[in-house]
Amino acid sequence: MTSAAFDPASLKYDDKGLIPAIAQDAETQEVLMMAWMNAESVAKTLETGKVTYWSRSRQAFWVKGETSGHLQTLVDFRYDCDQDCILVMVRQEGPACHTNRRSCFYTAVRDGETVELMGPMA
């Protein structure tokens, strides 16, 4: 294993300055959600340990769980070999999805039909 200082600017962002970030439960390995980050939200996430995304609709930082209480605490921060996608391994409190489900990936296509895999959390 080698180590070097990390600079968020070293990642490859799109023409809007954004990079996709996939959140995965560090314990269960379940994929929870995908959202966007920019260089500043990457830096804030690494600095605070609270996963911070960039909201494209609000054009503002979004600390996951700040209003809902469904916090994502950073356990590990990784990026892919092309440096154009982030994986944040998190400790998730409560549901990750705004629909009150554990994961945003609750709909599957099976035999040409959409199937809801899980309902909202009680």
PDB file of N, CA and C in Angstrom:
ATOM      1  N   MET A   1       0.853  -1.178   0.000  1.00  0.00           N
ATOM      2  CA  MET A   1       0.000   0.000   0.000  1.00  0.00           C
ATOM      3  C   MET A   1       0.898   1.240   0.000  1.00  0.00           C
ATOM      4  N   THR A   2       0.586   2.155  -0.902  1.00  0.00           N
ATOM      5  CA  THR A   2       1.313   3.417  -0.947  1.00  0.00           C
ATOM      6  C   THR A   2       0.395   4.532  -0.502  1.00  0.00           C
ATOM      7  N   SER A   3       0.964   5.619  -0.045  1.00  0.00           N
ATOM      8  CA  SER A   3       0.141   6.748   0.369  1.00  0.00           C
ATOM      9  C   SER A   3       0.785   8.047  -0.101  1.00  0.00           C
ATOM     10  N   ALA A   4      -0.075   9.009  -0.366  1.00  0.00           N
ATOM     11  CA  ALA A   4       0.346  10.345  -0.782  1.00  0.00           C
ATOM     12  C   ALA A   4      -0.748  11.309  -0.380  1.00  0.00           C
ATOM     13  N   ALA A   5      -0.415  12.573  -0.246  1.00  0.00           N
ATOM     14  CA  ALA A   5      -1.412  13.593   0.092  1.00  0.00           C
ATOM     15  C   ALA A   5      -2.475  13.634  -1.006  1.00  0.00           C
ATOM     16  N   PHE A   6      -3.734  13.765  -0.613  1.00  0.00           N
ATOM     17  CA  PHE A   6      -4.846  13.794  -1.558  1.00  0.00           C
ATOM     18  C   PHE A   6      -5.326  15.218  -1.770  1.00  0.00           C
ATOM     19  N   ASP A   7      -5.523  15.574  -3.028  1.00  0.00           N
ATOM     20  CA  ASP A   7      -6.053  16.876  -3.402  1.00  0.00           C
ATOM     21  C   ASP A   7      -7.376  16.648  -4.131  1.00  0.00           C
ATOM     22  N   PRO A   8      -8.511  17.131  -3.593  1.00  0.00           N
ATOM     23  CA  PRO A   8      -9.797  16.936  -4.268  1.00  0.00           C
ATOM     24  C   PRO A   8      -9.796  17.405  -5.725  1.00  0.00           C
ATOM     25  N   ALA A   9      -8.969  18.364  -6.058  1.00  0.00           N
ATOM     26  CA  ALA A   9      -8.898  18.860  -7.438  1.00  0.00           C
ATOM     27  C   ALA A   9      -8.303  17.823  -8.387  1.00  0.00           C
ATOM     28  N   SER A  10      -7.681  16.774  -7.843  1.00  0.00           N
ATOM     29  CA  SER A  10      -7.085  15.733  -8.690  1.00  0.00           C
ATOM     30  C   SER A  10      -8.132  14.808  -9.305  1.00  0.00           C
ATOM     31  N   LEU A  11      -9.369  14.861  -8.803  1.00  0.00           N
ATOM     32  CA  LEU A  11     -10.436  14.045  -9.375  1.00  0.00           C
ATOM     33  C   LEU A  11     -10.907  14.661 -10.687  1.00  0.00           C
ATOM     34  N   LYS A  12     -11.563  13.861 -11.514  1.00  0.00           N
ATOM     35  CA  LYS A  12     -12.048  14.334 -12.812  1.00  0.00           C
ATOM     36  C   LYS A  12     -13.530  14.666 -12.711  1.00  0.00           C
ATOM     37  N   TYR A  13     -13.820  15.948 -12.743  1.00  0.00           N
ATOM     38  CA  TYR A  13     -15.183  16.452 -12.637  1.00  0.00           C
ATOM     39  C   TYR A  13     -15.738  16.703 -14.035  1.00  0.00           C
ATOM     40  N   ASP A  14     -17.075  16.696 -14.157  1.00  0.00           N
ATOM     41  CA  ASP A  14     -17.686  16.972 -15.453  1.00  0.00           C
ATOM     42  C   ASP A  14     -17.626  18.469 -15.759  1.00  0.00           C
ATOM     43  N   ASP A  15     -18.240  18.879 -16.856  1.00  0.00           N
ATOM     44  CA  ASP A  15     -18.164  20.281 -17.270  1.00  0.00           C
ATOM     45  C   ASP A  15     -18.883  21.230 -16.322  1.00  0.00           C
ATOM     46  N   LYS A  16     -19.684  20.682 -15.387  1.00  0.00           N
ATOM     47  CA  LYS A  16     -20.348  21.505 -14.365  1.00  0.00           C
ATOM     48  C   LYS A  16     -19.581  21.464 -13.042  1.00  0.00           C
ATOM     49  N   GLY A  17     -18.433  20.788 -13.052  1.00  0.00           N
ATOM     50  CA  GLY A  17     -17.621  20.699 -11.843  1.00  0.00           C
ATOM     51  C   GLY A  17     -18.107  19.643 -10.871  1.00  0.00           C
ATOM     52  N   LEU A  18     -18.868  18.658 -11.368  1.00  0.00           N
ATOM     53  CA  LEU A  18     -19.466  17.629 -10.507  1.00  0.00           C
ATOM     54  C   LEU A  18     -18.897  16.247 -10.816  1.00  0.00           C
ATOM     55  N   ILE A  19     -18.984  15.385  -9.817  1.00  0.00           N
ATOM     56  CA  ILE A  19     -18.555  13.997  -9.935  1.00  0.00           C
ATOM     57  C   ILE A  19     -19.600  13.128  -9.239  1.00  0.00           C
ATOM     58  N   PRO A  20     -19.979  11.982  -9.840  1.00  0.00           N
ATOM     59  CA  PRO A  20     -20.946  11.110  -9.172  1.00  0.00           C
ATOM     60  C   PRO A  20     -20.339  10.460  -7.933  1.00  0.00           C
ATOM     61  N   ALA A  21     -21.155  10.361  -6.889  1.00  0.00           N
ATOM     62  CA  ALA A  21     -20.725   9.750  -5.633  1.00  0.00           C
ATOM     63  C   ALA A  21     -21.751   8.685  -5.237  1.00  0.00           C
ATOM     64  N   ILE A  22     -21.281   7.479  -5.105  1.00  0.00           N
ATOM     65  CA  ILE A  22     -22.132   6.361  -4.707  1.00  0.00           C
ATOM     66  C   ILE A  22     -21.926   6.124  -3.213  1.00  0.00           C
ATOM     67  N   ALA A  23     -23.018   6.060  -2.473  1.00  0.00           N
ATOM     68  CA  ALA A  23     -22.953   5.784  -1.033  1.00  0.00           C
ATOM     69  C   ALA A  23     -23.270   4.314  -0.811  1.00  0.00           C
ATOM     70  N   GLN A  24     -22.408   3.647  -0.064  1.00  0.00           N
ATOM     71  CA  GLN A  24     -22.554   2.228   0.237  1.00  0.00           C
ATOM     72  C   GLN A  24     -22.427   2.031   1.743  1.00  0.00           C
ATOM     73  N   ASP A  25     -23.292   1.202   2.306  1.00  0.00           N
ATOM     74  CA  ASP A  25     -23.231   0.899   3.725  1.00  0.00           C
ATOM     75  C   ASP A  25     -21.927   0.144   4.003  1.00  0.00           C
ATOM     76  N   ALA A  26     -21.112   0.670   4.879  1.00  0.00           N
ATOM     77  CA  ALA A  26     -19.804   0.076   5.164  1.00  0.00           C
ATOM     78  C   ALA A  26     -19.904  -1.298   5.804  1.00  0.00           C
ATOM     79  N   GLU A  27     -20.971  -1.543   6.528  1.00  0.00           N
ATOM     80  CA  GLU A  27     -21.129  -2.832   7.215  1.00  0.00           C
ATOM     81  C   GLU A  27     -21.776  -3.887   6.323  1.00  0.00           C
ATOM     82  N   THR A  28     -22.894  -3.530   5.692  1.00  0.00           N
ATOM     83  CA  THR A  28     -23.655  -4.517   4.909  1.00  0.00           C
ATOM     84  C   THR A  28     -23.245  -4.573   3.439  1.00  0.00           C
ATOM     85  N   GLN A  29     -22.523  -3.553   2.973  1.00  0.00           N
ATOM     86  CA  GLN A  29     -22.115  -3.403   1.575  1.00  0.00           C
ATOM     87  C   GLN A  29     -23.278  -3.044   0.643  1.00  0.00           C
ATOM     88  N   GLU A  30     -24.450  -2.775   1.199  1.00  0.00           N
ATOM     89  CA  GLU A  30     -25.609  -2.402   0.394  1.00  0.00           C
ATOM     90  C   GLU A  30     -25.381  -1.034  -0.256  1.00  0.00           C
ATOM     91  N   VAL A  31     -25.695  -0.932  -1.552  1.00  0.00           N
ATOM     92  CA  VAL A  31     -25.629   0.357  -2.236  1.00  0.00           C
ATOM     93  C   VAL A  31     -26.860   1.150  -1.817  1.00  0.00           C
ATOM     94  N   LEU A  32     -26.646   2.344  -1.289  1.00  0.00           N
ATOM     95  CA  LEU A  32     -27.734   3.131  -0.720  1.00  0.00           C
ATOM     96  C   LEU A  32     -28.269   4.195  -1.669  1.00  0.00           C
ATOM     97  N   MET A  33     -27.380   4.911  -2.324  1.00  0.00           N
ATOM     98  CA  MET A  33     -27.819   6.036  -3.143  1.00  0.00           C
ATOM     99  C   MET A  33     -26.672   6.524  -4.017  1.00  0.00           C
ATOM    100  N   MET A  34     -27.014   7.387  -4.944  1.00  0.00           N
ATOM    101  CA  MET A  34     -26.042   8.098  -5.760  1.00  0.00           C
ATOM    102  C   MET A  34     -26.417   9.568  -5.726  1.00  0.00           C
ATOM    103  N   ALA A  35     -25.428  10.412  -5.577  1.00  0.00           N
ATOM    104  CA  ALA A  35     -25.639  11.861  -5.598  1.00  0.00           C
ATOM    105  C   ALA A  35     -24.392  12.493  -6.203  1.00  0.00           C
ATOM    106  N   TRP A  36     -24.341  13.804  -6.211  1.00  0.00           N
ATOM    107  CA  TRP A  36     -23.235  14.517  -6.834  1.00  0.00           C
ATOM    108  C   TRP A  36     -22.405  15.260  -5.805  1.00  0.00           C
ATOM    109  N   MET A  37     -21.125  15.366  -6.089  1.00  0.00           N
ATOM    110  CA  MET A  37     -20.210  16.158  -5.275  1.00  0.00           C
ATOM    111  C   MET A  37     -19.425  17.076  -6.201  1.00  0.00           C
ATOM    112  N   ASN A  38     -18.911  18.156  -5.617  1.00  0.00           N
ATOM    113  CA  ASN A  38     -17.927  18.983  -6.307  1.00  0.00           C
ATOM    114  C   ASN A  38     -16.663  18.968  -5.441  1.00  0.00           C
ATOM    115  N   ALA A  39     -15.624  19.641  -5.866  1.00  0.00           N
ATOM    116  CA  ALA A  39     -14.358  19.596  -5.125  1.00  0.00           C
ATOM    117  C   ALA A  39     -14.521  20.088  -3.692  1.00  0.00           C
ATOM    118  N   GLU A  40     -15.350  21.111  -3.503  1.00  0.00           N
ATOM    119  CA  GLU A  40     -15.535  21.648  -2.153  1.00  0.00           C
ATOM    120  C   GLU A  40     -16.323  20.686  -1.261  1.00  0.00           C
ATOM    121  N   SER A  41     -17.322  20.011  -1.810  1.00  0.00           N
ATOM    122  CA  SER A  41     -18.073  19.048  -0.983  1.00  0.00           C
ATOM    123  C   SER A  41     -17.222  17.822  -0.665  1.00  0.00           C
ATOM    124  N   VAL A  42     -16.332  17.446  -1.580  1.00  0.00           N
ATOM    125  CA  VAL A  42     -15.371  16.374  -1.281  1.00  0.00           C
ATOM    126  C   VAL A  42     -14.497  16.792  -0.105  1.00  0.00           C
ATOM    127  N   ALA A  43     -13.965  17.999  -0.164  1.00  0.00           N
ATOM    128  CA  ALA A  43     -13.108  18.499   0.921  1.00  0.00           C
ATOM    129  C   ALA A  43     -13.872  18.569   2.236  1.00  0.00           C
ATOM    130  N   LYS A  44     -15.126  19.070   2.217  1.00  0.00           N
ATOM    131  CA  LYS A  44     -15.937  19.155   3.437  1.00  0.00           C
ATOM    132  C   LYS A  44     -16.199  17.763   4.017  1.00  0.00           C
ATOM    133  N   THR A  45     -16.496  16.791   3.144  1.00  0.00           N
ATOM    134  CA  THR A  45     -16.741  15.415   3.593  1.00  0.00           C
ATOM    135  C   THR A  45     -15.517  14.861   4.303  1.00  0.00           C
ATOM    136  N   LEU A  46     -14.354  15.035   3.701  1.00  0.00           N
ATOM    137  CA  LEU A  46     -13.121  14.511   4.288  1.00  0.00           C
ATOM    138  C   LEU A  46     -12.741  15.254   5.569  1.00  0.00           C
ATOM    139  N   GLU A  47     -13.048  16.528   5.621  1.00  0.00           N
ATOM    140  CA  GLU A  47     -12.708  17.343   6.786  1.00  0.00           C
ATOM    141  C   GLU A  47     -13.612  17.059   7.982  1.00  0.00           C
ATOM    142  N   THR A  48     -14.926  16.905   7.728  1.00  0.00           N
ATOM    143  CA  THR A  48     -15.892  16.783   8.819  1.00  0.00           C
ATOM    144  C   THR A  48     -16.300  15.349   9.142  1.00  0.00           C
ATOM    145  N   GLY A  49     -16.160  14.432   8.177  1.00  0.00           N
ATOM    146  CA  GLY A  49     -16.644  13.068   8.368  1.00  0.00           C
ATOM    147  C   GLY A  49     -18.145  12.944   8.155  1.00  0.00           C
ATOM    148  N   LYS A  50     -18.805  14.053   7.822  1.00  0.00           N
ATOM    149  CA  LYS A  50     -20.235  14.051   7.487  1.00  0.00           C
ATOM    150  C   LYS A  50     -20.324  14.155   5.967  1.00  0.00           C
ATOM    151  N   VAL A  51     -20.982  13.184   5.341  1.00  0.00           N
ATOM    152  CA  VAL A  51     -21.015  13.167   3.883  1.00  0.00           C
ATOM    153  C   VAL A  51     -21.805  14.373   3.381  1.00  0.00           C
ATOM    154  N   THR A  52     -21.144  15.149   2.553  1.00  0.00           N
ATOM    155  CA  THR A  52     -21.691  16.398   2.036  1.00  0.00           C
ATOM    156  C   THR A  52     -21.747  16.323   0.518  1.00  0.00           C
ATOM    157  N   TYR A  53     -22.935  16.493  -0.024  1.00  0.00           N
ATOM    158  CA  TYR A  53     -23.144  16.441  -1.468  1.00  0.00           C
ATOM    159  C   TYR A  53     -23.392  17.854  -1.987  1.00  0.00           C
ATOM    160  N   TRP A  54     -23.470  17.964  -3.324  1.00  0.00           N
ATOM    161  CA  TRP A  54     -23.857  19.217  -3.965  1.00  0.00           C
ATOM    162  C   TRP A  54     -25.243  19.003  -4.559  1.00  0.00           C
ATOM    163  N   SER A  55     -26.204  19.785  -4.128  1.00  0.00           N
ATOM    164  CA  SER A  55     -27.566  19.699  -4.645  1.00  0.00           C
ATOM    165  C   SER A  55     -27.656  20.486  -5.938  1.00  0.00           C
ATOM    166  N   ARG A  56     -27.923  19.788  -7.028  1.00  0.00           N
ATOM    167  CA  ARG A  56     -28.051  20.468  -8.317  1.00  0.00           C
ATOM    168  C   ARG A  56     -29.311  21.311  -8.377  1.00  0.00           C
ATOM    169  N   SER A  57     -30.383  20.862  -7.725  1.00  0.00           N
ATOM    170  CA  SER A  57     -31.641  21.619  -7.774  1.00  0.00           C
ATOM    171  C   SER A  57     -31.575  22.890  -6.930  1.00  0.00           C
ATOM    172  N   ARG A  58     -30.940  22.819  -5.772  1.00  0.00           N
ATOM    173  CA  ARG A  58     -30.842  23.984  -4.888  1.00  0.00           C
ATOM    174  C   ARG A  58     -29.583  24.805  -5.109  1.00  0.00           C
ATOM    175  N   GLN A  59     -28.616  24.225  -5.859  1.00  0.00           N
ATOM    176  CA  GLN A  59     -27.325  24.874  -6.055  1.00  0.00           C
ATOM    177  C   GLN A  59     -26.694  25.232  -4.713  1.00  0.00           C
ATOM    178  N   ALA A  60     -26.660  24.214  -3.835  1.00  0.00           N
ATOM    179  CA  ALA A  60     -26.140  24.429  -2.485  1.00  0.00           C
ATOM    180  C   ALA A  60     -25.591  23.115  -1.933  1.00  0.00           C
ATOM    181  N   PHE A  61     -24.766  23.227  -0.891  1.00  0.00           N
ATOM    182  CA  PHE A  61     -24.275  22.026  -0.228  1.00  0.00           C
ATOM    183  C   PHE A  61     -25.411  21.353   0.516  1.00  0.00           C
ATOM    184  N   TRP A  62     -25.323  20.040   0.610  1.00  0.00           N
ATOM    185  CA  TRP A  62     -26.345  19.230   1.235  1.00  0.00           C
ATOM    186  C   TRP A  62     -25.636  18.206   2.114  1.00  0.00           C
ATOM    187  N   VAL A  63     -25.668  18.431   3.416  1.00  0.00           N
ATOM    188  CA  VAL A  63     -25.114  17.464   4.363  1.00  0.00           C
ATOM    189  C   VAL A  63     -26.192  16.411   4.580  1.00  0.00           C
ATOM    190  N   LYS A  64     -25.924  15.196   4.140  1.00  0.00           N
ATOM    191  CA  LYS A  64     -26.927  14.138   4.199  1.00  0.00           C
ATOM    192  C   LYS A  64     -27.398  13.939   5.631  1.00  0.00           C
ATOM    193  N   GLY A  65     -28.704  14.074   5.834  1.00  0.00           N
ATOM    194  CA  GLY A  65     -29.312  13.852   7.139  1.00  0.00           C
ATOM    195  C   GLY A  65     -29.389  15.083   8.015  1.00  0.00           C
ATOM    196  N   GLU A  66     -28.892  16.209   7.538  1.00  0.00           N
ATOM    197  CA  GLU A  66     -28.894  17.422   8.363  1.00  0.00           C
ATOM    198  C   GLU A  66     -30.310  17.839   8.767  1.00  0.00           C
ATOM    199  N   THR A  67     -31.273  17.687   7.863  1.00  0.00           N
ATOM    200  CA  THR A  67     -32.655  18.037   8.216  1.00  0.00           C
ATOM    201  C   THR A  67     -33.475  16.813   8.611  1.00  0.00           C
ATOM    202  N   SER A  68     -33.220  15.659   8.006  1.00  0.00           N
ATOM    203  CA  SER A  68     -34.018  14.462   8.284  1.00  0.00           C
ATOM    204  C   SER A  68     -33.535  13.683   9.501  1.00  0.00           C
ATOM    205  N   GLY A  69     -32.269  13.882   9.872  1.00  0.00           N
ATOM    206  CA  GLY A  69     -31.683  13.089  10.952  1.00  0.00           C
ATOM    207  C   GLY A  69     -31.109  11.768  10.458  1.00  0.00           C
ATOM    208  N   HIS A  70     -31.232  11.497   9.167  1.00  0.00           N
ATOM    209  CA  HIS A  70     -30.731  10.243   8.585  1.00  0.00           C
ATOM    210  C   HIS A  70     -29.305  10.449   8.092  1.00  0.00           C
ATOM    211  N   LEU A  71     -28.421  10.643   9.049  1.00  0.00           N
ATOM    212  CA  LEU A  71     -27.039  11.016   8.769  1.00  0.00           C
ATOM    213  C   LEU A  71     -26.246   9.911   8.082  1.00  0.00           C
ATOM    214  N   GLN A  72     -25.281  10.351   7.292  1.00  0.00           N
ATOM    215  CA  GLN A  72     -24.277   9.458   6.738  1.00  0.00           C
ATOM    216  C   GLN A  72     -22.935   9.893   7.295  1.00  0.00           C
ATOM    217  N   THR A  73     -22.329   9.011   8.075  1.00  0.00           N
ATOM    218  CA  THR A  73     -21.012   9.273   8.630  1.00  0.00           C
ATOM    219  C   THR A  73     -19.989   8.536   7.787  1.00  0.00           C
ATOM    220  N   LEU A  74     -18.972   9.236   7.347  1.00  0.00           N
ATOM    221  CA  LEU A  74     -17.954   8.661   6.476  1.00  0.00           C
ATOM    222  C   LEU A  74     -17.119   7.623   7.216  1.00  0.00           C
ATOM    223  N   VAL A  75     -16.999   6.448   6.624  1.00  0.00           N
ATOM    224  CA  VAL A  75     -16.135   5.393   7.141  1.00  0.00           C
ATOM    225  C   VAL A  75     -14.897   5.267   6.251  1.00  0.00           C
ATOM    226  N   ASP A  76     -15.099   5.339   4.936  1.00  0.00           N
ATOM    227  CA  ASP A  76     -13.992   5.229   3.986  1.00  0.00           C
ATOM    228  C   ASP A  76     -14.355   6.010   2.731  1.00  0.00           C
ATOM    229  N   PHE A  77     -13.366   6.639   2.120  1.00  0.00           N
ATOM    230  CA  PHE A  77     -13.550   7.430   0.905  1.00  0.00           C
ATOM    231  C   PHE A  77     -12.676   6.810  -0.173  1.00  0.00           C
ATOM    232  N   ARG A  78     -13.286   6.430  -1.292  1.00  0.00           N
ATOM    233  CA  ARG A  78     -12.546   5.807  -2.386  1.00  0.00           C
ATOM    234  C   ARG A  78     -12.941   6.450  -3.701  1.00  0.00           C
ATOM    235  N   TYR A  79     -12.089   6.316  -4.689  1.00  0.00           N
ATOM    236  CA  TYR A  79     -12.445   6.740  -6.042  1.00  0.00           C
ATOM    237  C   TYR A  79     -11.942   5.686  -7.019  1.00  0.00           C
ATOM    238  N   ASP A  80     -12.555   5.677  -8.204  1.00  0.00           N
ATOM    239  CA  ASP A  80     -12.253   4.622  -9.161  1.00  0.00           C
ATOM    240  C   ASP A  80     -10.960   4.895  -9.924  1.00  0.00           C
ATOM    241  N   CYS A  81     -10.575   3.922 -10.744  1.00  0.00           N
ATOM    242  CA  CYS A  81      -9.299   3.969 -11.459  1.00  0.00           C
ATOM    243  C   CYS A  81      -9.213   5.128 -12.444  1.00  0.00           C
ATOM    244  N   ASP A  82     -10.342   5.595 -12.957  1.00  0.00           N
ATOM    245  CA  ASP A  82     -10.352   6.735 -13.874  1.00  0.00           C
ATOM    246  C   ASP A  82     -10.456   8.066 -13.134  1.00  0.00           C
ATOM    247  N   GLN A  83     -10.629   8.016 -11.844  1.00  0.00           N
ATOM    248  CA  GLN A  83     -10.763   9.188 -10.971  1.00  0.00           C
ATOM    249  C   GLN A  83     -11.985  10.042 -11.322  1.00  0.00           C
ATOM    250  N   ASP A  84     -13.044   9.382 -11.870  1.00  0.00           N
ATOM    251  CA  ASP A  84     -14.241  10.129 -12.256  1.00  0.00           C
ATOM    252  C   ASP A  84     -15.511   9.648 -11.563  1.00  0.00           C
ATOM    253  N   CYS A  85     -15.341   8.888 -10.485  1.00  0.00           N
ATOM    254  CA  CYS A  85     -16.484   8.418  -9.691  1.00  0.00           C
ATOM    255  C   CYS A  85     -15.990   8.138  -8.274  1.00  0.00           C
ATOM    256  N   ILE A  86     -16.799   8.530  -7.309  1.00  0.00           N
ATOM    257  CA  ILE A  86     -16.452   8.375  -5.893  1.00  0.00           C
ATOM    258  C   ILE A  86     -17.317   7.294  -5.265  1.00  0.00           C
ATOM    259  N   LEU A  87     -16.734   6.566  -4.337  1.00  0.00           N
ATOM    260  CA  LEU A  87     -17.469   5.624  -3.496  1.00  0.00           C
ATOM    261  C   LEU A  87     -17.256   6.065  -2.059  1.00  0.00           C
ATOM    262  N   VAL A  88     -18.349   6.437  -1.384  1.00  0.00           N
ATOM    263  CA  VAL A  88     -18.252   6.760   0.035  1.00  0.00           C
ATOM    264  C   VAL A  88     -18.858   5.605   0.813  1.00  0.00           C
ATOM    265  N   MET A  89     -18.048   5.002   1.636  1.00  0.00           N
ATOM    266  CA  MET A  89     -18.495   3.938   2.522  1.00  0.00           C
ATOM    267  C   MET A  89     -18.961   4.641   3.786  1.00  0.00           C
ATOM    268  N   VAL A  90     -20.214   4.387   4.184  1.00  0.00           N
ATOM    269  CA  VAL A  90     -20.819   5.181   5.244  1.00  0.00           C
ATOM    270  C   VAL A  90     -21.443   4.322   6.334  1.00  0.00           C
ATOM    271  N   ARG A  91     -21.652   4.967   7.460  1.00  0.00           N
ATOM    272  CA  ARG A  91     -22.518   4.425   8.508  1.00  0.00           C
ATOM    273  C   ARG A  91     -23.809   5.233   8.363  1.00  0.00           C
ATOM    274  N   GLN A  92     -24.861   4.567   7.933  1.00  0.00           N
ATOM    275  CA  GLN A  92     -26.139   5.212   7.649  1.00  0.00           C
ATOM    276  C   GLN A  92     -27.057   5.105   8.856  1.00  0.00           C
ATOM    277  N   GLU A  93     -27.601   6.237   9.263  1.00  0.00           N
ATOM    278  CA  GLU A  93     -28.609   6.254  10.323  1.00  0.00           C
ATOM    279  C   GLU A  93     -29.967   6.424   9.658  1.00  0.00           C
ATOM    280  N   GLY A  94     -30.836   5.426   9.813  1.00  0.00           N
ATOM    281  CA  GLY A  94     -32.165   5.491   9.203  1.00  0.00           C
ATOM    282  C   GLY A  94     -32.093   5.274   7.706  1.00  0.00           C
ATOM    283  N   PRO A  95     -33.190   5.602   7.015  1.00  0.00           N
ATOM    284  CA  PRO A  95     -33.227   5.390   5.574  1.00  0.00           C
ATOM    285  C   PRO A  95     -32.327   6.384   4.830  1.00  0.00           C
ATOM    286  N   ALA A  96     -31.791   5.937   3.700  1.00  0.00           N
ATOM    287  CA  ALA A  96     -30.966   6.821   2.872  1.00  0.00           C
ATOM    288  C   ALA A  96     -31.809   7.562   1.837  1.00  0.00           C
ATOM    289  N   CYS A  97     -32.910   6.960   1.427  1.00  0.00           N
ATOM    290  CA  CYS A  97     -33.719   7.517   0.350  1.00  0.00           C
ATOM    291  C   CYS A  97     -34.758   8.510   0.874  1.00  0.00           C
ATOM    292  N   HIS A  98     -35.031   9.537   0.090  1.00  0.00           N
ATOM    293  CA  HIS A  98     -36.042  10.521   0.482  1.00  0.00           C
ATOM    294  C   HIS A  98     -37.450   9.929   0.501  1.00  0.00           C
ATOM    295  N   THR A  99     -37.624   8.711  -0.069  1.00  0.00           N
ATOM    296  CA  THR A  99     -38.923   8.024  -0.027  1.00  0.00           C
ATOM    297  C   THR A  99     -39.079   7.216   1.258  1.00  0.00           C
ATOM    298  N   ASN A 100     -38.129   7.377   2.169  1.00  0.00           N
ATOM    299  CA  ASN A 100     -38.123   6.689   3.462  1.00  0.00           C
ATOM    300  C   ASN A 100     -37.798   5.198   3.334  1.00  0.00           C
ATOM    301  N   ARG A 101     -37.074   4.841   2.276  1.00  0.00           N
ATOM    302  CA  ARG A 101     -36.601   3.472   2.115  1.00  0.00           C
ATOM    303  C   ARG A 101     -35.120   3.427   2.460  1.00  0.00           C
ATOM    304  N   ARG A 102     -34.656   2.268   2.830  1.00  0.00           N
ATOM    305  CA  ARG A 102     -33.246   2.074   3.199  1.00  0.00           C
ATOM    306  C   ARG A 102     -32.316   2.493   2.058  1.00  0.00           C
ATOM    307  N   SER A 103     -32.666   2.114   0.822  1.00  0.00           N
ATOM    308  CA  SER A 103     -31.853   2.394  -0.352  1.00  0.00           C
ATOM    309  C   SER A 103     -32.703   3.055  -1.425  1.00  0.00           C
ATOM    310  N   CYS A 104     -32.085   3.870  -2.244  1.00  0.00           N
ATOM    311  CA  CYS A 104     -32.790   4.467  -3.389  1.00  0.00           C
ATOM    312  C   CYS A 104     -33.009   3.438  -4.500  1.00  0.00           C
ATOM    313  N   PHE A 105     -32.287   2.342  -4.453  1.00  0.00           N
ATOM    314  CA  PHE A 105     -32.357   1.325  -5.499  1.00  0.00           C
ATOM    315  C   PHE A 105     -33.349   0.226  -5.112  1.00  0.00           C
ATOM    316  N   TYR A 106     -34.611   0.599  -5.049  1.00  0.00           N
ATOM    317  CA  TYR A 106     -35.652  -0.342  -4.619  1.00  0.00           C
ATOM    318  C   TYR A 106     -36.540  -0.819  -5.762  1.00  0.00           C
ATOM    319  N   THR A 107     -36.265  -0.389  -6.985  1.00  0.00           N
ATOM    320  CA  THR A 107     -37.063  -0.820  -8.126  1.00  0.00           C
ATOM    321  C   THR A 107     -36.196  -1.632  -9.074  1.00  0.00           C
ATOM    322  N   ALA A 108     -36.690  -2.810  -9.454  1.00  0.00           N
ATOM    323  CA  ALA A 108     -35.975  -3.692 -10.380  1.00  0.00           C
ATOM    324  C   ALA A 108     -36.839  -3.909 -11.614  1.00  0.00           C
ATOM    325  N   VAL A 109     -36.184  -4.327 -12.691  1.00  0.00           N
ATOM    326  CA  VAL A 109     -36.904  -4.747 -13.886  1.00  0.00           C
ATOM    327  C   VAL A 109     -36.705  -6.255 -14.002  1.00  0.00           C
ATOM    328  N   ARG A 110     -37.805  -6.982 -13.932  1.00  0.00           N
ATOM    329  CA  ARG A 110     -37.775  -8.443 -14.004  1.00  0.00           C
ATOM    330  C   ARG A 110     -38.757  -8.907 -15.074  1.00  0.00           C
ATOM    331  N   ASP A 111     -38.254  -9.616 -16.056  1.00  0.00           N
ATOM    332  CA  ASP A 111     -39.089 -10.103 -17.156  1.00  0.00           C
ATOM    333  C   ASP A 111     -39.890  -8.978 -17.797  1.00  0.00           C
ATOM    334  N   GLY A 112     -39.260  -7.829 -17.965  1.00  0.00           N
ATOM    335  CA  GLY A 112     -39.901  -6.705 -18.621  1.00  0.00           C
ATOM    336  C   GLY A 112     -40.876  -5.924 -17.766  1.00  0.00           C
ATOM    337  N   GLU A 113     -40.988  -6.261 -16.502  1.00  0.00           N
ATOM    338  CA  GLU A 113     -41.905  -5.583 -15.579  1.00  0.00           C
ATOM    339  C   GLU A 113     -41.111  -4.916 -14.466  1.00  0.00           C
ATOM    340  N   THR A 114     -41.605  -3.760 -13.999  1.00  0.00           N
ATOM    341  CA  THR A 114     -40.973  -3.141 -12.844  1.00  0.00           C
ATOM    342  C   THR A 114     -41.525  -3.760 -11.564  1.00  0.00           C
ATOM    343  N   VAL A 115     -40.630  -4.002 -10.639  1.00  0.00           N
ATOM    344  CA  VAL A 115     -40.975  -4.644  -9.380  1.00  0.00           C
ATOM    345  C   VAL A 115     -40.393  -3.823  -8.242  1.00  0.00           C
ATOM    346  N   GLU A 116     -41.223  -3.435  -7.285  1.00  0.00           N
ATOM    347  CA  GLU A 116     -40.742  -2.728  -6.097  1.00  0.00           C
ATOM    348  C   GLU A 116     -40.230  -3.764  -5.113  1.00  0.00           C
ATOM    349  N   LEU A 117     -38.970  -3.648  -4.736  1.00  0.00           N
ATOM    350  CA  LEU A 117     -38.323  -4.648  -3.903  1.00  0.00           C
ATOM    351  C   LEU A 117     -38.528  -4.419  -2.412  1.00  0.00           C
ATOM    352  N   MET A 118     -38.740  -3.176  -2.022  1.00  0.00           N
ATOM    353  CA  MET A 118     -38.906  -2.896  -0.587  1.00  0.00           C
ATOM    354  C   MET A 118     -39.806  -1.701  -0.408  1.00  0.00           C
ATOM    355  N   GLY A 119     -40.574  -1.741   0.633  1.00  0.00           N
ATOM    356  CA  GLY A 119     -41.446  -0.613   0.942  1.00  0.00           C
ATOM    357  C   GLY A 119     -40.770   0.348   1.889  1.00  0.00           C
ATOM    358  N   PRO A 120     -41.429   1.455   2.203  1.00  0.00           N
ATOM    359  CA  PRO A 120     -40.883   2.422   3.155  1.00  0.00           C
ATOM    360  C   PRO A 120     -40.618   1.769   4.511  1.00  0.00           C
ATOM    361  N   MET A 121     -39.643   2.320   5.219  1.00  0.00           N
ATOM    362  CA  MET A 121     -39.317   1.819   6.559  1.00  0.00           C
ATOM    363  C   MET A 121     -40.383   2.278   7.540  1.00  0.00           C
ATOM    364  N   ALA A 122     -40.680   1.438   8.491  1.00  0.00           N
ATOM    365  CA  ALA A 122     -41.691   1.781   9.493  1.00  0.00           C
ATOM    366  C   ALA A 122     -41.087   2.613  10.597  1.00  0.00           C
TER     367      ALA A 122
END
